[in-house]
Amino acid sequence: MAERLTLSRQLDEHAARRRLGRLGATALEPAWVALWAAPLGMKGKPPGAWLLGAREMQRALLLTGAELPVQAERVHAGVQLTGATAPTLEAIQRLWLWERMATPRLWRIQALDTPPTPVWLPCWLGYRAGRKHQLTVISGLSGEVLSMIKPLVLAGLESAHRQVQAGDEKTLPAG
């Protein structure tokens, strides 16, 4: 399997703290979510956008631009959440259909036949304690709330918790 590309974190801790504070979070931590980037474009031309998703997602993230904003260094600080499986071409087509329906405009690009690229998406996890604990996930690229990957994040955190409970420290996520 190809090594995961690491998308560059654009939102620093101070800006993330302000954004999450406005959303009610009282604590935060950096995280990296393993997703898959499927290229979108015209046949025979370079990609014009990327659809970030996984087979488990109902809706994908649309990242515009011909190049993925990749950073040189590896994932270091924060929780690393894996477990998302690569979407099939049919799943990518379905995710792209939902994205086109959600953002109505004339889309000339289509999902290309190229296999998806594994990527690390930078995120910030915001927590709020109270009568019910609450988790908010925002993008480390734009600061937008990412409700569509919250189930993946919760599953990853549950998996990490099970590993801690089992006493298997050597396979814990970094951070």
N, C-alpha and C. Protein backbone atom coordinates (compact mmCIF):
# COMPACT_ATOMS: atom_id res chain seq x y z
N MET A 1 0.85 -1.19 0.00
CA MET A 1 0.00 0.00 0.00
C MET A 1 0.89 1.24 0.00
N ALA A 2 0.43 2.27 -0.68
CA ALA A 2 1.18 3.53 -0.76
C ALA A 2 1.18 4.22 0.61
N GLU A 3 2.26 4.93 0.87
CA GLU A 3 2.35 5.71 2.11
C GLU A 3 1.36 6.87 2.05
N ARG A 4 0.82 7.23 3.20
CA ARG A 4 -0.17 8.31 3.26
C ARG A 4 0.50 9.67 3.09
N LEU A 5 -0.10 10.51 2.24
CA LEU A 5 0.32 11.89 2.14
C LEU A 5 -0.23 12.63 3.35
N THR A 6 0.51 13.60 3.83
CA THR A 6 0.08 14.40 4.97
C THR A 6 -0.32 15.78 4.48
N LEU A 7 -1.60 16.11 4.63
CA LEU A 7 -2.07 17.43 4.22
C LEU A 7 -1.59 18.46 5.24
N SER A 8 -1.24 19.61 4.76
CA SER A 8 -0.66 20.67 5.58
C SER A 8 -1.70 21.34 6.46
N ARG A 9 -1.42 21.41 7.77
CA ARG A 9 -2.32 22.07 8.71
C ARG A 9 -2.22 23.59 8.50
N GLN A 10 -3.34 24.23 8.17
CA GLN A 10 -3.38 25.66 7.93
C GLN A 10 -3.87 26.46 9.14
N LEU A 11 -4.61 25.80 10.02
CA LEU A 11 -5.22 26.45 11.18
C LEU A 11 -4.37 26.14 12.41
N ASP A 12 -3.76 27.17 13.00
CA ASP A 12 -2.91 26.94 14.18
C ASP A 12 -3.77 26.77 15.44
N GLU A 13 -3.11 26.46 16.55
CA GLU A 13 -3.82 26.17 17.79
C GLU A 13 -4.62 27.37 18.30
N HIS A 14 -4.06 28.56 18.20
CA HIS A 14 -4.75 29.76 18.68
C HIS A 14 -6.06 29.98 17.91
N ALA A 15 -6.00 29.90 16.59
CA ALA A 15 -7.19 30.08 15.77
C ALA A 15 -8.20 28.96 16.01
N ALA A 16 -7.71 27.73 16.19
CA ALA A 16 -8.61 26.60 16.47
C ALA A 16 -9.30 26.78 17.81
N ARG A 17 -8.55 27.27 18.82
CA ARG A 17 -9.13 27.50 20.15
C ARG A 17 -10.25 28.55 20.07
N ARG A 18 -10.02 29.63 19.32
CA ARG A 18 -11.06 30.65 19.15
C ARG A 18 -12.30 30.08 18.47
N ARG A 19 -12.08 29.35 17.38
CA ARG A 19 -13.20 28.77 16.60
C ARG A 19 -13.98 27.77 17.45
N LEU A 20 -13.27 26.86 18.11
CA LEU A 20 -13.95 25.86 18.94
C LEU A 20 -14.62 26.49 20.15
N GLY A 21 -14.02 27.55 20.70
CA GLY A 21 -14.63 28.26 21.82
C GLY A 21 -15.97 28.86 21.43
N ARG A 22 -16.05 29.42 20.22
CA ARG A 22 -17.32 29.96 19.74
C ARG A 22 -18.37 28.85 19.58
N LEU A 23 -17.89 27.61 19.36
CA LEU A 23 -18.80 26.48 19.20
C LEU A 23 -19.09 25.78 20.53
N GLY A 24 -18.54 26.32 21.63
CA GLY A 24 -18.86 25.79 22.95
C GLY A 24 -17.84 24.82 23.54
N ALA A 25 -16.77 24.53 22.84
CA ALA A 25 -15.76 23.59 23.35
C ALA A 25 -14.88 24.28 24.39
N THR A 26 -14.50 23.55 25.43
CA THR A 26 -13.65 24.10 26.48
C THR A 26 -12.24 23.51 26.45
N ALA A 27 -12.05 22.42 25.71
CA ALA A 27 -10.73 21.80 25.57
C ALA A 27 -10.57 21.36 24.11
N LEU A 28 -9.33 21.27 23.65
CA LEU A 28 -9.09 20.83 22.29
C LEU A 28 -7.80 20.05 22.20
N GLU A 29 -7.67 19.29 21.12
CA GLU A 29 -6.42 18.59 20.82
C GLU A 29 -6.32 18.40 19.32
N PRO A 30 -5.08 18.35 18.80
CA PRO A 30 -4.91 18.11 17.37
C PRO A 30 -5.14 16.64 17.06
N ALA A 31 -5.59 16.37 15.85
CA ALA A 31 -5.82 14.99 15.42
C ALA A 31 -5.52 14.89 13.93
N TRP A 32 -5.29 13.68 13.50
CA TRP A 32 -5.07 13.37 12.09
C TRP A 32 -6.01 12.22 11.75
N VAL A 33 -6.83 12.39 10.73
CA VAL A 33 -7.79 11.37 10.33
C VAL A 33 -7.34 10.79 8.99
N ALA A 34 -7.26 9.47 8.94
CA ALA A 34 -6.86 8.78 7.71
C ALA A 34 -8.05 8.74 6.76
N LEU A 35 -7.92 9.40 5.61
CA LEU A 35 -8.96 9.41 4.59
C LEU A 35 -8.35 9.05 3.23
N TRP A 36 -9.16 9.11 2.21
CA TRP A 36 -8.73 8.80 0.85
C TRP A 36 -9.11 9.95 -0.06
N ALA A 37 -8.18 10.39 -0.91
CA ALA A 37 -8.42 11.50 -1.83
C ALA A 37 -8.62 10.95 -3.24
N ALA A 38 -9.83 11.15 -3.77
CA ALA A 38 -10.14 10.72 -5.13
C ALA A 38 -10.09 11.95 -6.05
N PRO A 39 -9.36 11.85 -7.16
CA PRO A 39 -9.25 13.01 -8.05
C PRO A 39 -10.53 13.24 -8.86
N LEU A 40 -10.84 14.53 -9.07
CA LEU A 40 -11.97 14.94 -9.89
C LEU A 40 -11.44 15.81 -11.01
N GLY A 41 -11.97 15.65 -12.19
CA GLY A 41 -11.53 16.49 -13.31
C GLY A 41 -12.10 16.01 -14.62
N MET A 42 -11.51 16.48 -15.70
CA MET A 42 -11.90 16.08 -17.04
C MET A 42 -10.96 14.96 -17.49
N LYS A 43 -11.49 14.01 -18.21
CA LYS A 43 -10.65 12.90 -18.69
C LYS A 43 -9.49 13.44 -19.53
N GLY A 44 -8.30 12.91 -19.28
CA GLY A 44 -7.12 13.31 -20.02
C GLY A 44 -6.47 14.59 -19.53
N LYS A 45 -7.02 15.21 -18.48
CA LYS A 45 -6.45 16.45 -17.93
C LYS A 45 -6.11 16.23 -16.46
N PRO A 46 -5.25 17.07 -15.88
CA PRO A 46 -4.94 16.92 -14.46
C PRO A 46 -6.16 17.21 -13.59
N PRO A 47 -6.20 16.66 -12.38
CA PRO A 47 -7.35 16.89 -11.50
C PRO A 47 -7.55 18.38 -11.21
N GLY A 48 -8.81 18.77 -11.07
CA GLY A 48 -9.15 20.15 -10.72
C GLY A 48 -9.63 20.26 -9.29
N ALA A 49 -9.92 19.09 -8.67
CA ALA A 49 -10.40 19.05 -7.29
C ALA A 49 -10.20 17.63 -6.75
N TRP A 50 -10.40 17.50 -5.46
CA TRP A 50 -10.24 16.20 -4.80
C TRP A 50 -11.43 15.96 -3.89
N LEU A 51 -11.88 14.74 -3.86
CA LEU A 51 -12.96 14.33 -2.99
C LEU A 51 -12.35 13.50 -1.88
N LEU A 52 -12.39 14.01 -0.64
CA LEU A 52 -11.81 13.30 0.50
C LEU A 52 -12.91 12.49 1.17
N GLY A 53 -12.69 11.20 1.31
CA GLY A 53 -13.73 10.37 1.91
C GLY A 53 -13.24 8.98 2.25
N ALA A 54 -14.18 8.15 2.61
CA ALA A 54 -13.94 6.75 2.94
C ALA A 54 -15.24 6.00 2.67
N ARG A 55 -15.13 4.70 2.58
CA ARG A 55 -16.31 3.88 2.30
C ARG A 55 -17.38 4.07 3.38
N GLU A 56 -16.96 4.33 4.62
CA GLU A 56 -17.89 4.45 5.74
C GLU A 56 -18.63 5.79 5.78
N MET A 57 -18.25 6.74 4.97
CA MET A 57 -18.84 8.08 5.02
C MET A 57 -20.06 8.19 4.13
N GLN A 58 -21.06 8.95 4.60
CA GLN A 58 -22.26 9.22 3.82
C GLN A 58 -22.04 10.40 2.88
N ARG A 59 -21.15 11.30 3.26
CA ARG A 59 -20.86 12.49 2.46
C ARG A 59 -19.36 12.77 2.55
N ALA A 60 -18.77 13.21 1.47
CA ALA A 60 -17.33 13.46 1.40
C ALA A 60 -17.02 14.94 1.57
N LEU A 61 -15.73 15.25 1.62
CA LEU A 61 -15.25 16.62 1.68
C LEU A 61 -14.71 16.99 0.30
N LEU A 62 -15.03 18.17 -0.17
CA LEU A 62 -14.56 18.63 -1.47
C LEU A 62 -13.40 19.59 -1.25
N LEU A 63 -12.26 19.27 -1.83
CA LEU A 63 -11.07 20.10 -1.73
C LEU A 63 -10.71 20.57 -3.13
N THR A 64 -10.85 21.86 -3.39
CA THR A 64 -10.58 22.38 -4.73
C THR A 64 -9.11 22.68 -4.90
N GLY A 65 -8.67 22.61 -6.12
CA GLY A 65 -7.27 22.88 -6.45
C GLY A 65 -6.65 21.65 -7.09
N ALA A 66 -5.77 21.89 -8.04
CA ALA A 66 -5.15 20.80 -8.78
C ALA A 66 -4.19 19.99 -7.92
N GLU A 67 -3.57 20.62 -6.94
CA GLU A 67 -2.60 19.94 -6.09
C GLU A 67 -3.12 19.82 -4.68
N LEU A 68 -2.84 18.70 -4.05
CA LEU A 68 -3.17 18.55 -2.64
C LEU A 68 -2.17 19.36 -1.83
N PRO A 69 -2.60 20.09 -0.78
CA PRO A 69 -1.68 20.89 0.04
C PRO A 69 -0.89 19.98 0.99
N VAL A 70 0.18 19.38 0.47
CA VAL A 70 0.94 18.38 1.21
C VAL A 70 2.09 19.02 1.95
N GLN A 71 2.35 18.57 3.17
CA GLN A 71 3.49 19.05 3.94
C GLN A 71 4.61 18.01 3.87
N ALA A 72 5.82 18.45 4.08
CA ALA A 72 6.98 17.57 3.95
C ALA A 72 7.14 16.63 5.15
N GLU A 73 6.88 17.13 6.35
CA GLU A 73 7.11 16.29 7.52
C GLU A 73 5.96 15.31 7.74
N ARG A 74 6.23 14.30 8.53
CA ARG A 74 5.23 13.29 8.85
C ARG A 74 4.30 13.78 9.96
N VAL A 75 3.23 13.03 10.15
CA VAL A 75 2.30 13.29 11.24
C VAL A 75 3.07 13.14 12.55
N HIS A 76 2.95 14.13 13.43
CA HIS A 76 3.70 14.03 14.68
C HIS A 76 2.77 14.25 15.87
N ALA A 77 2.38 15.46 16.16
CA ALA A 77 1.59 15.75 17.36
C ALA A 77 0.12 15.45 17.12
N GLY A 78 -0.51 14.88 18.11
CA GLY A 78 -1.94 14.65 18.05
C GLY A 78 -2.32 13.19 17.91
N VAL A 79 -3.59 12.96 17.98
CA VAL A 79 -4.16 11.63 17.88
C VAL A 79 -4.23 11.23 16.42
N GLN A 80 -3.79 10.02 16.11
CA GLN A 80 -3.88 9.50 14.75
C GLN A 80 -5.03 8.51 14.69
N LEU A 81 -6.03 8.81 13.89
CA LEU A 81 -7.23 7.99 13.80
C LEU A 81 -7.28 7.28 12.46
N THR A 82 -7.12 5.98 12.51
CA THR A 82 -7.14 5.17 11.30
C THR A 82 -8.40 4.31 11.30
N GLY A 83 -8.53 3.47 10.33
CA GLY A 83 -9.66 2.55 10.30
C GLY A 83 -10.59 2.78 9.13
N ALA A 84 -10.50 3.91 8.46
CA ALA A 84 -11.35 4.16 7.30
C ALA A 84 -10.85 3.33 6.13
N THR A 85 -11.77 2.70 5.43
CA THR A 85 -11.38 1.87 4.29
C THR A 85 -11.53 2.66 2.99
N ALA A 86 -10.71 2.28 2.02
CA ALA A 86 -10.71 2.98 0.73
C ALA A 86 -12.05 2.79 0.03
N PRO A 87 -12.60 3.87 -0.51
CA PRO A 87 -13.86 3.73 -1.23
C PRO A 87 -13.64 3.07 -2.59
N THR A 88 -14.60 2.30 -3.02
CA THR A 88 -14.57 1.73 -4.36
C THR A 88 -14.92 2.82 -5.37
N LEU A 89 -14.73 2.54 -6.64
CA LEU A 89 -15.08 3.52 -7.67
C LEU A 89 -16.58 3.85 -7.60
N GLU A 90 -17.40 2.84 -7.31
CA GLU A 90 -18.84 3.08 -7.18
C GLU A 90 -19.13 3.99 -6.00
N ALA A 91 -18.43 3.78 -4.89
CA ALA A 91 -18.63 4.63 -3.71
C ALA A 91 -18.19 6.07 -4.01
N ILE A 92 -17.09 6.23 -4.73
CA ILE A 92 -16.62 7.57 -5.10
C ILE A 92 -17.66 8.25 -5.98
N GLN A 93 -18.22 7.52 -6.94
CA GLN A 93 -19.27 8.08 -7.81
C GLN A 93 -20.47 8.52 -6.97
N ARG A 94 -20.86 7.70 -5.97
CA ARG A 94 -21.99 8.03 -5.11
C ARG A 94 -21.69 9.27 -4.28
N LEU A 95 -20.49 9.34 -3.69
CA LEU A 95 -20.09 10.50 -2.89
C LEU A 95 -20.07 11.77 -3.75
N TRP A 96 -19.59 11.66 -4.97
CA TRP A 96 -19.53 12.81 -5.87
C TRP A 96 -20.94 13.25 -6.26
N LEU A 97 -21.85 12.29 -6.48
CA LEU A 97 -23.23 12.64 -6.78
C LEU A 97 -23.84 13.43 -5.63
N TRP A 98 -23.66 12.99 -4.38
CA TRP A 98 -24.20 13.70 -3.23
C TRP A 98 -23.59 15.10 -3.10
N GLU A 99 -22.31 15.21 -3.38
CA GLU A 99 -21.66 16.53 -3.29
C GLU A 99 -22.22 17.48 -4.35
N ARG A 100 -22.43 16.98 -5.54
CA ARG A 100 -23.00 17.82 -6.61
C ARG A 100 -24.42 18.25 -6.26
N MET A 101 -25.19 17.37 -5.64
CA MET A 101 -26.55 17.72 -5.25
C MET A 101 -26.57 18.73 -4.11
N ALA A 102 -25.59 18.64 -3.21
CA ALA A 102 -25.54 19.54 -2.05
C ALA A 102 -25.07 20.94 -2.44
N THR A 103 -24.26 21.04 -3.46
CA THR A 103 -23.76 22.34 -3.91
C THR A 103 -24.16 22.54 -5.37
N PRO A 104 -25.40 22.95 -5.60
CA PRO A 104 -25.89 23.04 -6.98
C PRO A 104 -25.15 24.11 -7.79
N ARG A 105 -24.58 23.67 -8.85
CA ARG A 105 -23.95 24.52 -9.86
C ARG A 105 -23.64 23.62 -11.05
N LEU A 106 -23.17 24.19 -12.10
CA LEU A 106 -22.85 23.39 -13.27
C LEU A 106 -21.48 22.75 -13.07
N TRP A 107 -21.47 21.45 -12.81
CA TRP A 107 -20.23 20.71 -12.60
C TRP A 107 -19.83 20.05 -13.91
N ARG A 108 -18.71 20.44 -14.43
CA ARG A 108 -18.20 19.82 -15.66
C ARG A 108 -17.20 18.72 -15.35
N ILE A 109 -16.72 18.69 -14.13
CA ILE A 109 -15.74 17.67 -13.78
C ILE A 109 -16.45 16.41 -13.30
N GLN A 110 -15.72 15.30 -13.34
CA GLN A 110 -16.27 14.02 -12.91
C GLN A 110 -15.21 13.26 -12.12
N ALA A 111 -15.64 12.22 -11.45
CA ALA A 111 -14.70 11.38 -10.72
C ALA A 111 -13.86 10.61 -11.75
N LEU A 112 -12.54 10.71 -11.61
CA LEU A 112 -11.64 10.04 -12.53
C LEU A 112 -11.45 8.58 -12.12
N ASP A 113 -11.01 7.76 -13.06
CA ASP A 113 -10.84 6.33 -12.80
C ASP A 113 -9.61 5.99 -11.98
N THR A 114 -8.84 6.97 -11.58
CA THR A 114 -7.62 6.77 -10.81
C THR A 114 -7.95 6.28 -9.41
N PRO A 115 -7.21 5.29 -8.88
CA PRO A 115 -7.47 4.86 -7.50
C PRO A 115 -7.22 6.00 -6.52
N PRO A 116 -7.98 6.02 -5.40
CA PRO A 116 -7.80 7.11 -4.43
C PRO A 116 -6.44 7.02 -3.74
N THR A 117 -5.94 8.19 -3.33
CA THR A 117 -4.66 8.32 -2.65
C THR A 117 -4.90 8.39 -1.14
N PRO A 118 -4.18 7.60 -0.34
CA PRO A 118 -4.35 7.70 1.12
C PRO A 118 -3.74 9.00 1.64
N VAL A 119 -4.49 9.73 2.48
CA VAL A 119 -4.03 11.00 3.03
C VAL A 119 -4.33 11.07 4.53
N TRP A 120 -3.55 11.91 5.21
CA TRP A 120 -3.84 12.30 6.60
C TRP A 120 -4.46 13.67 6.56
N LEU A 121 -5.70 13.80 7.03
CA LEU A 121 -6.38 15.09 7.10
C LEU A 121 -6.17 15.68 8.49
N PRO A 122 -5.59 16.90 8.59
CA PRO A 122 -5.43 17.51 9.90
C PRO A 122 -6.77 18.04 10.42
N CYS A 123 -7.03 17.78 11.67
CA CYS A 123 -8.27 18.23 12.32
C CYS A 123 -7.96 18.74 13.71
N TRP A 124 -8.93 19.38 14.28
CA TRP A 124 -8.90 19.76 15.70
C TRP A 124 -10.14 19.17 16.34
N LEU A 125 -9.96 18.52 17.48
CA LEU A 125 -11.07 17.95 18.23
C LEU A 125 -11.36 18.86 19.41
N GLY A 126 -12.59 19.30 19.51
CA GLY A 126 -13.01 20.15 20.62
C GLY A 126 -13.96 19.39 21.53
N TYR A 127 -13.74 19.51 22.84
CA TYR A 127 -14.54 18.78 23.82
C TYR A 127 -15.25 19.75 24.73
N ARG A 128 -16.46 19.37 25.11
CA ARG A 128 -17.21 20.15 26.09
C ARG A 128 -17.82 19.16 27.07
N ALA A 129 -17.51 19.37 28.35
CA ALA A 129 -18.09 18.53 29.39
C ALA A 129 -19.35 19.20 29.90
N GLY A 130 -20.16 18.46 30.52
CA GLY A 130 -21.41 18.97 31.05
C GLY A 130 -22.31 17.79 31.34
N ARG A 131 -23.59 18.04 31.26
CA ARG A 131 -24.52 16.94 31.48
C ARG A 131 -24.28 15.83 30.47
N LYS A 132 -23.99 16.24 29.23
CA LYS A 132 -23.59 15.31 28.18
C LYS A 132 -22.27 15.80 27.63
N HIS A 133 -21.34 14.87 27.43
CA HIS A 133 -20.07 15.25 26.80
C HIS A 133 -20.32 15.47 25.31
N GLN A 134 -19.64 16.45 24.76
CA GLN A 134 -19.86 16.80 23.37
C GLN A 134 -18.52 16.89 22.65
N LEU A 135 -18.50 16.39 21.42
CA LEU A 135 -17.31 16.44 20.58
C LEU A 135 -17.62 17.25 19.34
N THR A 136 -16.72 18.16 19.00
CA THR A 136 -16.82 18.93 17.77
C THR A 136 -15.54 18.71 16.99
N VAL A 137 -15.65 18.42 15.71
CA VAL A 137 -14.49 18.21 14.84
C VAL A 137 -14.45 19.33 13.83
N ILE A 138 -13.31 20.04 13.77
CA ILE A 138 -13.15 21.08 12.74
C ILE A 138 -11.94 20.75 11.89
N SER A 139 -11.95 21.25 10.69
CA SER A 139 -10.87 21.02 9.74
C SER A 139 -9.63 21.81 10.13
N GLY A 140 -8.47 21.18 10.02
CA GLY A 140 -7.21 21.87 10.22
C GLY A 140 -6.81 22.66 8.98
N LEU A 141 -7.55 22.50 7.90
CA LEU A 141 -7.30 23.26 6.67
C LEU A 141 -8.06 24.57 6.66
N SER A 142 -9.37 24.51 7.02
CA SER A 142 -10.21 25.69 6.87
C SER A 142 -10.91 26.14 8.15
N GLY A 143 -10.98 25.29 9.16
CA GLY A 143 -11.71 25.64 10.38
C GLY A 143 -13.19 25.32 10.31
N GLU A 144 -13.64 24.74 9.20
CA GLU A 144 -15.05 24.39 9.06
C GLU A 144 -15.37 23.16 9.91
N VAL A 145 -16.60 23.11 10.41
CA VAL A 145 -17.06 21.95 11.18
C VAL A 145 -17.20 20.77 10.22
N LEU A 146 -16.67 19.62 10.64
CA LEU A 146 -16.70 18.42 9.80
C LEU A 146 -17.60 17.36 10.42
N SER A 147 -18.89 17.60 10.37
CA SER A 147 -19.83 16.65 10.97
C SER A 147 -19.83 15.31 10.24
N MET A 148 -19.44 15.30 8.95
CA MET A 148 -19.47 14.05 8.20
C MET A 148 -18.38 13.07 8.61
N ILE A 149 -17.31 13.53 9.27
CA ILE A 149 -16.29 12.58 9.72
C ILE A 149 -16.36 12.31 11.22
N LYS A 150 -17.32 12.92 11.90
CA LYS A 150 -17.46 12.69 13.34
C LYS A 150 -17.65 11.21 13.68
N PRO A 151 -18.45 10.43 12.92
CA PRO A 151 -18.54 8.99 13.22
C PRO A 151 -17.20 8.27 13.10
N LEU A 152 -16.38 8.65 12.11
CA LEU A 152 -15.05 8.04 11.96
C LEU A 152 -14.16 8.39 13.15
N VAL A 153 -14.23 9.63 13.60
CA VAL A 153 -13.44 10.08 14.75
C VAL A 153 -13.87 9.33 16.01
N LEU A 154 -15.17 9.24 16.23
CA LEU A 154 -15.66 8.52 17.42
C LEU A 154 -15.25 7.05 17.38
N ALA A 155 -15.34 6.41 16.22
CA ALA A 155 -14.91 5.01 16.10
C ALA A 155 -13.41 4.88 16.36
N GLY A 156 -12.61 5.82 15.87
CA GLY A 156 -11.17 5.81 16.11
C GLY A 156 -10.83 6.01 17.58
N LEU A 157 -11.53 6.94 18.23
CA LEU A 157 -11.30 7.17 19.66
C LEU A 157 -11.72 5.94 20.48
N GLU A 158 -12.82 5.30 20.09
CA GLU A 158 -13.26 4.09 20.78
C GLU A 158 -12.24 2.97 20.62
N SER A 159 -11.70 2.83 19.42
CA SER A 159 -10.67 1.82 19.18
C SER A 159 -9.43 2.08 20.01
N ALA A 160 -9.00 3.34 20.08
CA ALA A 160 -7.83 3.69 20.89
C ALA A 160 -8.11 3.41 22.36
N HIS A 161 -9.32 3.69 22.82
CA HIS A 161 -9.69 3.43 24.22
C HIS A 161 -9.65 1.92 24.51
N ARG A 162 -10.15 1.12 23.58
CA ARG A 162 -10.11 -0.34 23.77
C ARG A 162 -8.67 -0.84 23.85
N GLN A 163 -7.77 -0.26 23.04
CA GLN A 163 -6.37 -0.67 23.07
C GLN A 163 -5.74 -0.32 24.42
N VAL A 164 -6.10 0.85 24.97
CA VAL A 164 -5.59 1.23 26.28
C VAL A 164 -6.11 0.27 27.34
N GLN A 165 -7.39 -0.05 27.26
CA GLN A 165 -7.98 -0.97 28.23
C GLN A 165 -7.35 -2.35 28.16
N ALA A 166 -6.96 -2.76 26.96
CA ALA A 166 -6.33 -4.07 26.78
C ALA A 166 -4.87 -4.05 27.20
N GLY A 167 -4.32 -2.86 27.47
CA GLY A 167 -2.93 -2.74 27.91
C GLY A 167 -1.92 -2.90 26.79
N ASP A 168 -2.34 -2.62 25.57
CA ASP A 168 -1.47 -2.78 24.42
C ASP A 168 -0.86 -1.45 24.06
N GLU A 169 0.07 -0.93 24.90
CA GLU A 169 0.63 0.40 24.72
C GLU A 169 1.43 0.57 23.44
N LYS A 170 2.02 -0.50 22.92
CA LYS A 170 2.89 -0.34 21.75
C LYS A 170 2.13 -0.02 20.47
N THR A 171 0.79 -0.23 20.43
CA THR A 171 0.04 0.11 19.23
C THR A 171 -0.86 1.32 19.42
N LEU A 172 -0.62 2.07 20.49
CA LEU A 172 -1.43 3.27 20.72
C LEU A 172 -1.14 4.33 19.70
N PRO A 173 -2.15 5.16 19.38
CA PRO A 173 -1.89 6.29 18.48
C PRO A 173 -0.89 7.25 19.12
N ALA A 174 -0.07 7.86 18.28
CA ALA A 174 0.90 8.84 18.78
C ALA A 174 0.15 10.05 19.30
N GLY A 175 0.72 10.67 20.30
CA GLY A 175 0.10 11.90 20.79
C GLY A 175 -0.12 11.78 22.21
